[in-house]
Amino acid sequence: MEKIKVVAKNGCICPRERIGEPVITDAGPVEVKRTPFYTRLIRDGSLRIWQEPKPAAKKAAEKNEPKTGGDK
């Protein structure tokens, strides 16, 4: 069965198909099997298929991150 990476809608927590597995949050992508259960969650908007950021977007995000360290 095909696997997909999914992430929960911002601020949402989605259950897993099997009881006892950790929930899916908006913190980062989770790889799951493409089953009817996850397809329904994607269709209703609770989950979205994870899209890897493009390299230019990654660089822009890194550039905008606050710098940590001793210099002020």
PDB file of N, CA and C in Angstrom:
ATOM      1  N   MET A   1       0.849  -1.178   0.000  1.00  0.00           N
ATOM      2  CA  MET A   1       0.000   0.000   0.000  1.00  0.00           C
ATOM      3  C   MET A   1       0.895   1.241   0.000  1.00  0.00           C
ATOM      4  N   GLU A   2       0.460   2.251  -0.743  1.00  0.00           N
ATOM      5  CA  GLU A   2       1.213   3.500  -0.866  1.00  0.00           C
ATOM      6  C   GLU A   2       1.267   4.231   0.473  1.00  0.00           C
ATOM      7  N   LYS A   3       2.410   4.876   0.740  1.00  0.00           N
ATOM      8  CA  LYS A   3       2.547   5.687   1.949  1.00  0.00           C
ATOM      9  C   LYS A   3       2.579   7.151   1.551  1.00  0.00           C
ATOM     10  N   ILE A   4       2.031   7.978   2.428  1.00  0.00           N
ATOM     11  CA  ILE A   4       2.018   9.423   2.217  1.00  0.00           C
ATOM     12  C   ILE A   4       2.441  10.111   3.507  1.00  0.00           C
ATOM     13  N   LYS A   5       2.943  11.336   3.381  1.00  0.00           N
ATOM     14  CA  LYS A   5       3.260  12.141   4.554  1.00  0.00           C
ATOM     15  C   LYS A   5       2.125  13.132   4.739  1.00  0.00           C
ATOM     16  N   VAL A   6       1.610  13.185   5.963  1.00  0.00           N
ATOM     17  CA  VAL A   6       0.505  14.084   6.277  1.00  0.00           C
ATOM     18  C   VAL A   6       0.841  14.908   7.510  1.00  0.00           C
ATOM     19  N   VAL A   7       0.141  16.023   7.654  1.00  0.00           N
ATOM     20  CA  VAL A   7       0.272  16.878   8.822  1.00  0.00           C
ATOM     21  C   VAL A   7      -1.126  17.402   9.144  1.00  0.00           C
ATOM     22  N   ALA A   8      -1.410  17.602  10.414  1.00  0.00           N
ATOM     23  CA  ALA A   8      -2.731  18.097  10.820  1.00  0.00           C
ATOM     24  C   ALA A   8      -2.879  19.568  10.461  1.00  0.00           C
ATOM     25  N   LYS A   9      -4.123  19.988  10.270  1.00  0.00           N
ATOM     26  CA  LYS A   9      -4.433  21.391  10.041  1.00  0.00           C
ATOM     27  C   LYS A   9      -3.927  22.175  11.251  1.00  0.00           C
ATOM     28  N   ASN A  10      -3.523  23.423  11.040  1.00  0.00           N
ATOM     29  CA  ASN A  10      -2.982  24.240  12.134  1.00  0.00           C
ATOM     30  C   ASN A  10      -3.909  24.244  13.339  1.00  0.00           C
ATOM     31  N   GLY A  11      -3.352  23.888  14.485  1.00  0.00           N
ATOM     32  CA  GLY A  11      -4.103  23.880  15.735  1.00  0.00           C
ATOM     33  C   GLY A  11      -4.946  22.640  15.970  1.00  0.00           C
ATOM     34  N   CYS A  12      -4.896  21.677  15.063  1.00  0.00           N
ATOM     35  CA  CYS A  12      -5.720  20.468  15.203  1.00  0.00           C
ATOM     36  C   CYS A  12      -4.888  19.268  15.649  1.00  0.00           C
ATOM     37  N   ILE A  13      -5.576  18.311  16.211  1.00  0.00           N
ATOM     38  CA  ILE A  13      -4.993  17.017  16.577  1.00  0.00           C
ATOM     39  C   ILE A  13      -5.876  15.962  15.936  1.00  0.00           C
ATOM     40  N   CYS A  14      -5.277  15.057  15.186  1.00  0.00           N
ATOM     41  CA  CYS A  14      -6.033  14.002  14.513  1.00  0.00           C
ATOM     42  C   CYS A  14      -5.647  12.643  15.078  1.00  0.00           C
ATOM     43  N   PRO A  15      -6.614  11.777  15.219  1.00  0.00           N
ATOM     44  CA  PRO A  15      -6.315  10.427  15.719  1.00  0.00           C
ATOM     45  C   PRO A  15      -5.605   9.607  14.651  1.00  0.00           C
ATOM     46  N   ARG A  16      -4.969   8.545  15.087  1.00  0.00           N
ATOM     47  CA  ARG A  16      -4.396   7.574  14.164  1.00  0.00           C
ATOM     48  C   ARG A  16      -5.419   6.484  13.928  1.00  0.00           C
ATOM     49  N   GLU A  17      -5.189   5.723  12.885  1.00  0.00           N
ATOM     50  CA  GLU A  17      -6.105   4.644  12.545  1.00  0.00           C
ATOM     51  C   GLU A  17      -6.094   3.551  13.607  1.00  0.00           C
ATOM     52  N   ARG A  18      -4.940   3.282  14.162  1.00  0.00           N
ATOM     53  CA  ARG A  18      -4.833   2.235  15.182  1.00  0.00           C
ATOM     54  C   ARG A  18      -4.787   2.860  16.563  1.00  0.00           C
ATOM     55  N   ILE A  19      -5.582   2.350  17.453  1.00  0.00           N
ATOM     56  CA  ILE A  19      -5.633   2.845  18.828  1.00  0.00           C
ATOM     57  C   ILE A  19      -4.275   2.618  19.484  1.00  0.00           C
ATOM     58  N   GLY A  20      -3.824   3.607  20.223  1.00  0.00           N
ATOM     59  CA  GLY A  20      -2.562   3.497  20.940  1.00  0.00           C
ATOM     60  C   GLY A  20      -1.392   4.168  20.234  1.00  0.00           C
ATOM     61  N   GLU A  21      -1.544   4.484  18.941  1.00  0.00           N
ATOM     62  CA  GLU A  21      -0.480   5.190  18.234  1.00  0.00           C
ATOM     63  C   GLU A  21      -0.581   6.675  18.566  1.00  0.00           C
ATOM     64  N   PRO A  22       0.554   7.397  18.542  1.00  0.00           N
ATOM     65  CA  PRO A  22       0.505   8.823  18.864  1.00  0.00           C
ATOM     66  C   PRO A  22      -0.361   9.595  17.860  1.00  0.00           C
ATOM     67  N   VAL A  23      -1.007  10.642  18.323  1.00  0.00           N
ATOM     68  CA  VAL A  23      -1.870  11.445  17.463  1.00  0.00           C
ATOM     69  C   VAL A  23      -1.034  12.208  16.435  1.00  0.00           C
ATOM     70  N   ILE A  24      -1.686  12.705  15.413  1.00  0.00           N
ATOM     71  CA  ILE A  24      -1.031  13.514  14.382  1.00  0.00           C
ATOM     72  C   ILE A  24      -1.323  14.970  14.700  1.00  0.00           C
ATOM     73  N   THR A  25      -0.284  15.794  14.772  1.00  0.00           N
ATOM     74  CA  THR A  25      -0.433  17.214  15.099  1.00  0.00           C
ATOM     75  C   THR A  25       0.082  18.059  13.934  1.00  0.00           C
ATOM     76  N   ASP A  26       0.100  19.366  14.151  1.00  0.00           N
ATOM     77  CA  ASP A  26       0.640  20.271  13.145  1.00  0.00           C
ATOM     78  C   ASP A  26       2.137  20.523  13.335  1.00  0.00           C
ATOM     79  N   ALA A  27       2.773  19.777  14.254  1.00  0.00           N
ATOM     80  CA  ALA A  27       4.189  19.976  14.544  1.00  0.00           C
ATOM     81  C   ALA A  27       5.113  19.503  13.430  1.00  0.00           C
ATOM     82  N   GLY A  28       4.680  18.530  12.654  1.00  0.00           N
ATOM     83  CA  GLY A  28       5.532  18.027  11.586  1.00  0.00           C
ATOM     84  C   GLY A  28       4.877  16.861  10.888  1.00  0.00           C
ATOM     85  N   PRO A  29       5.415  16.492   9.735  1.00  0.00           N
ATOM     86  CA  PRO A  29       4.791  15.432   8.943  1.00  0.00           C
ATOM     87  C   PRO A  29       4.957  14.050   9.564  1.00  0.00           C
ATOM     88  N   VAL A  30       3.983  13.199   9.283  1.00  0.00           N
ATOM     89  CA  VAL A  30       3.979  11.815   9.743  1.00  0.00           C
ATOM     90  C   VAL A  30       3.695  10.943   8.527  1.00  0.00           C
ATOM     91  N   GLU A  31       4.436   9.862   8.380  1.00  0.00           N
ATOM     92  CA  GLU A  31       4.204   8.959   7.258  1.00  0.00           C
ATOM     93  C   GLU A  31       3.164   7.913   7.645  1.00  0.00           C
ATOM     94  N   VAL A  32       2.130   7.789   6.814  1.00  0.00           N
ATOM     95  CA  VAL A  32       1.047   6.831   7.052  1.00  0.00           C
ATOM     96  C   VAL A  32       0.725   6.113   5.745  1.00  0.00           C
ATOM     97  N   LYS A  33       0.038   4.982   5.867  1.00  0.00           N
ATOM     98  CA  LYS A  33      -0.431   4.286   4.674  1.00  0.00           C
ATOM     99  C   LYS A  33      -1.663   5.010   4.140  1.00  0.00           C
ATOM    100  N   ARG A  34      -1.780   5.071   2.819  1.00  0.00           N
ATOM    101  CA  ARG A  34      -2.952   5.721   2.217  1.00  0.00           C
ATOM    102  C   ARG A  34      -4.135   4.756   2.323  1.00  0.00           C
ATOM    103  N   THR A  35      -4.895   4.901   3.391  1.00  0.00           N
ATOM    104  CA  THR A  35      -6.071   4.059   3.636  1.00  0.00           C
ATOM    105  C   THR A  35      -7.318   4.930   3.560  1.00  0.00           C
ATOM    106  N   PRO A  36      -8.488   4.318   3.484  1.00  0.00           N
ATOM    107  CA  PRO A  36      -9.725   5.113   3.483  1.00  0.00           C
ATOM    108  C   PRO A  36      -9.856   6.018   4.713  1.00  0.00           C
ATOM    109  N   PHE A  37      -9.344   5.584   5.850  1.00  0.00           N
ATOM    110  CA  PHE A  37      -9.411   6.381   7.078  1.00  0.00           C
ATOM    111  C   PHE A  37      -8.700   7.722   6.890  1.00  0.00           C
ATOM    112  N   TYR A  38      -7.445   7.686   6.422  1.00  0.00           N
ATOM    113  CA  TYR A  38      -6.676   8.918   6.242  1.00  0.00           C
ATOM    114  C   TYR A  38      -7.193   9.718   5.056  1.00  0.00           C
ATOM    115  N   THR A  39      -7.691   9.051   4.017  1.00  0.00           N
ATOM    116  CA  THR A  39      -8.258   9.751   2.870  1.00  0.00           C
ATOM    117  C   THR A  39      -9.458  10.588   3.306  1.00  0.00           C
ATOM    118  N   ARG A  40     -10.297  10.060   4.197  1.00  0.00           N
ATOM    119  CA  ARG A  40     -11.451  10.822   4.710  1.00  0.00           C
ATOM    120  C   ARG A  40     -10.985  12.045   5.498  1.00  0.00           C
ATOM    121  N   LEU A  41      -9.945  11.880   6.318  1.00  0.00           N
ATOM    122  CA  LEU A  41      -9.440  13.019   7.095  1.00  0.00           C
ATOM    123  C   LEU A  41      -8.850  14.093   6.184  1.00  0.00           C
ATOM    124  N   ILE A  42      -8.231  13.676   5.083  1.00  0.00           N
ATOM    125  CA  ILE A  42      -7.698  14.644   4.116  1.00  0.00           C
ATOM    126  C   ILE A  42      -8.854  15.368   3.424  1.00  0.00           C
ATOM    127  N   ARG A  43      -9.864  14.625   3.011  1.00  0.00           N
ATOM    128  CA  ARG A  43     -11.015  15.227   2.320  1.00  0.00           C
ATOM    129  C   ARG A  43     -11.775  16.209   3.194  1.00  0.00           C
ATOM    130  N   ASP A  44     -11.899  15.908   4.503  1.00  0.00           N
ATOM    131  CA  ASP A  44     -12.660  16.835   5.361  1.00  0.00           C
ATOM    132  C   ASP A  44     -11.810  18.007   5.861  1.00  0.00           C
ATOM    133  N   GLY A  45     -10.509  18.011   5.516  1.00  0.00           N
ATOM    134  CA  GLY A  45      -9.652  19.140   5.852  1.00  0.00           C
ATOM    135  C   GLY A  45      -8.917  19.022   7.171  1.00  0.00           C
ATOM    136  N   SER A  46      -9.111  17.949   7.910  1.00  0.00           N
ATOM    137  CA  SER A  46      -8.410  17.772   9.185  1.00  0.00           C
ATOM    138  C   SER A  46      -6.926  17.495   8.971  1.00  0.00           C
ATOM    139  N   LEU A  47      -6.605  16.776   7.910  1.00  0.00           N
ATOM    140  CA  LEU A  47      -5.218  16.489   7.539  1.00  0.00           C
ATOM    141  C   LEU A  47      -4.937  17.087   6.173  1.00  0.00           C
ATOM    142  N   ARG A  48      -3.670  17.376   5.936  1.00  0.00           N
ATOM    143  CA  ARG A  48      -3.261  17.775   4.593  1.00  0.00           C
ATOM    144  C   ARG A  48      -2.008  16.993   4.220  1.00  0.00           C
ATOM    145  N   ILE A  49      -1.858  16.769   2.938  1.00  0.00           N
ATOM    146  CA  ILE A  49      -0.674  16.059   2.457  1.00  0.00           C
ATOM    147  C   ILE A  49       0.509  17.017   2.564  1.00  0.00           C
ATOM    148  N   TRP A  50       1.587  16.527   3.137  1.00  0.00           N
ATOM    149  CA  TRP A  50       2.776  17.343   3.378  1.00  0.00           C
ATOM    150  C   TRP A  50       3.491  17.629   2.069  1.00  0.00           C
ATOM    151  N   GLN A  51       3.791  18.883   1.841  1.00  0.00           N
ATOM    152  CA  GLN A  51       4.572  19.312   0.687  1.00  0.00           C
ATOM    153  C   GLN A  51       5.924  19.794   1.208  1.00  0.00           C
ATOM    154  N   GLU A  52       6.990  19.184   0.718  1.00  0.00           N
ATOM    155  CA  GLU A  52       8.325  19.626   1.127  1.00  0.00           C
ATOM    156  C   GLU A  52       8.526  21.068   0.666  1.00  0.00           C
ATOM    157  N   PRO A  53       9.055  21.938   1.545  1.00  0.00           N
ATOM    158  CA  PRO A  53       9.307  23.319   1.129  1.00  0.00           C
ATOM    159  C   PRO A  53      10.340  23.347   0.007  1.00  0.00           C
ATOM    160  N   LYS A  54      10.148  24.269  -0.917  1.00  0.00           N
ATOM    161  CA  LYS A  54      11.095  24.429  -2.015  1.00  0.00           C
ATOM    162  C   LYS A  54      12.386  25.013  -1.454  1.00  0.00           C
ATOM    163  N   PRO A  55      13.529  24.725  -2.085  1.00  0.00           N
ATOM    164  CA  PRO A  55      14.813  25.235  -1.564  1.00  0.00           C
ATOM    165  C   PRO A  55      14.821  26.747  -1.348  1.00  0.00           C
ATOM    166  N   ALA A  56      14.229  27.525  -2.244  1.00  0.00           N
ATOM    167  CA  ALA A  56      14.201  28.982  -2.071  1.00  0.00           C
ATOM    168  C   ALA A  56      13.398  29.364  -0.837  1.00  0.00           C
ATOM    169  N   ALA A  57      12.316  28.651  -0.567  1.00  0.00           N
ATOM    170  CA  ALA A  57      11.505  28.940   0.615  1.00  0.00           C
ATOM    171  C   ALA A  57      12.263  28.583   1.883  1.00  0.00           C
ATOM    172  N   LYS A  58      13.033  27.497   1.840  1.00  0.00           N
ATOM    173  CA  LYS A  58      13.831  27.118   3.009  1.00  0.00           C
ATOM    174  C   LYS A  58      14.845  28.204   3.329  1.00  0.00           C
ATOM    175  N   LYS A  59      15.543  28.710   2.293  1.00  0.00           N
ATOM    176  CA  LYS A  59      16.548  29.748   2.509  1.00  0.00           C
ATOM    177  C   LYS A  59      15.913  31.014   3.068  1.00  0.00           C
ATOM    178  N   ALA A  60      14.745  31.392   2.558  1.00  0.00           N
ATOM    179  CA  ALA A  60      14.059  32.583   3.043  1.00  0.00           C
ATOM    180  C   ALA A  60      13.654  32.408   4.498  1.00  0.00           C
ATOM    181  N   ALA A  61      13.180  31.219   4.858  1.00  0.00           N
ATOM    182  CA  ALA A  61      12.782  30.957   6.243  1.00  0.00           C
ATOM    183  C   ALA A  61      13.987  31.022   7.169  1.00  0.00           C
ATOM    184  N   GLU A  62      15.113  30.462   6.719  1.00  0.00           N
ATOM    185  CA  GLU A  62      16.323  30.497   7.536  1.00  0.00           C
ATOM    186  C   GLU A  62      16.814  31.932   7.699  1.00  0.00           C
ATOM    187  N   LYS A  63      16.693  32.719   6.648  1.00  0.00           N
ATOM    188  CA  LYS A  63      17.155  34.105   6.676  1.00  0.00           C
ATOM    189  C   LYS A  63      16.331  34.932   7.656  1.00  0.00           C
ATOM    190  N   ASN A  64      15.041  34.622   7.789  1.00  0.00           N
ATOM    191  CA  ASN A  64      14.144  35.385   8.650  1.00  0.00           C
ATOM    192  C   ASN A  64      14.131  34.907  10.098  1.00  0.00           C
ATOM    193  N   GLU A  65      14.792  33.793  10.385  1.00  0.00           N
ATOM    194  CA  GLU A  65      14.817  33.285  11.756  1.00  0.00           C
ATOM    195  C   GLU A  65      15.671  34.201  12.627  1.00  0.00           C
ATOM    196  N   PRO A  66      15.229  34.448  13.853  1.00  0.00           N
ATOM    197  CA  PRO A  66      16.050  35.261  14.749  1.00  0.00           C
ATOM    198  C   PRO A  66      17.352  34.541  15.089  1.00  0.00           C
ATOM    199  N   LYS A  67      18.402  35.291  15.151  1.00  0.00           N
ATOM    200  CA  LYS A  67      19.702  34.691  15.477  1.00  0.00           C
ATOM    201  C   LYS A  67      19.818  34.545  16.979  1.00  0.00           C
ATOM    202  N   THR A  68      20.413  33.437  17.382  1.00  0.00           N
ATOM    203  CA  THR A  68      20.652  33.217  18.802  1.00  0.00           C
ATOM    204  C   THR A  68      22.141  33.330  19.053  1.00  0.00           C
ATOM    205  N   GLY A  69      22.474  33.753  20.214  1.00  0.00           N
ATOM    206  CA  GLY A  69      23.877  33.850  20.540  1.00  0.00           C
ATOM    207  C   GLY A  69      24.120  35.052  21.429  1.00  0.00           C
ATOM    208  N   GLY A  70      25.374  35.350  21.663  1.00  0.00           N
ATOM    209  CA  GLY A  70      25.741  36.399  22.585  1.00  0.00           C
ATOM    210  C   GLY A  70      25.768  37.791  21.984  1.00  0.00           C
ATOM    211  N   ASP A  71      25.895  37.947  20.679  1.00  0.00           N
ATOM    212  CA  ASP A  71      26.008  39.274  20.104  1.00  0.00           C
ATOM    213  C   ASP A  71      24.639  39.951  19.983  1.00  0.00           C
ATOM    214  N   LYS A  72      24.607  41.223  20.374  1.00  0.00           N
ATOM    215  CA  LYS A  72      23.359  41.992  20.335  1.00  0.00           C
ATOM    216  C   LYS A  72      23.557  43.267  19.569  1.00  0.00           C
TER     217      LYS A  72
END
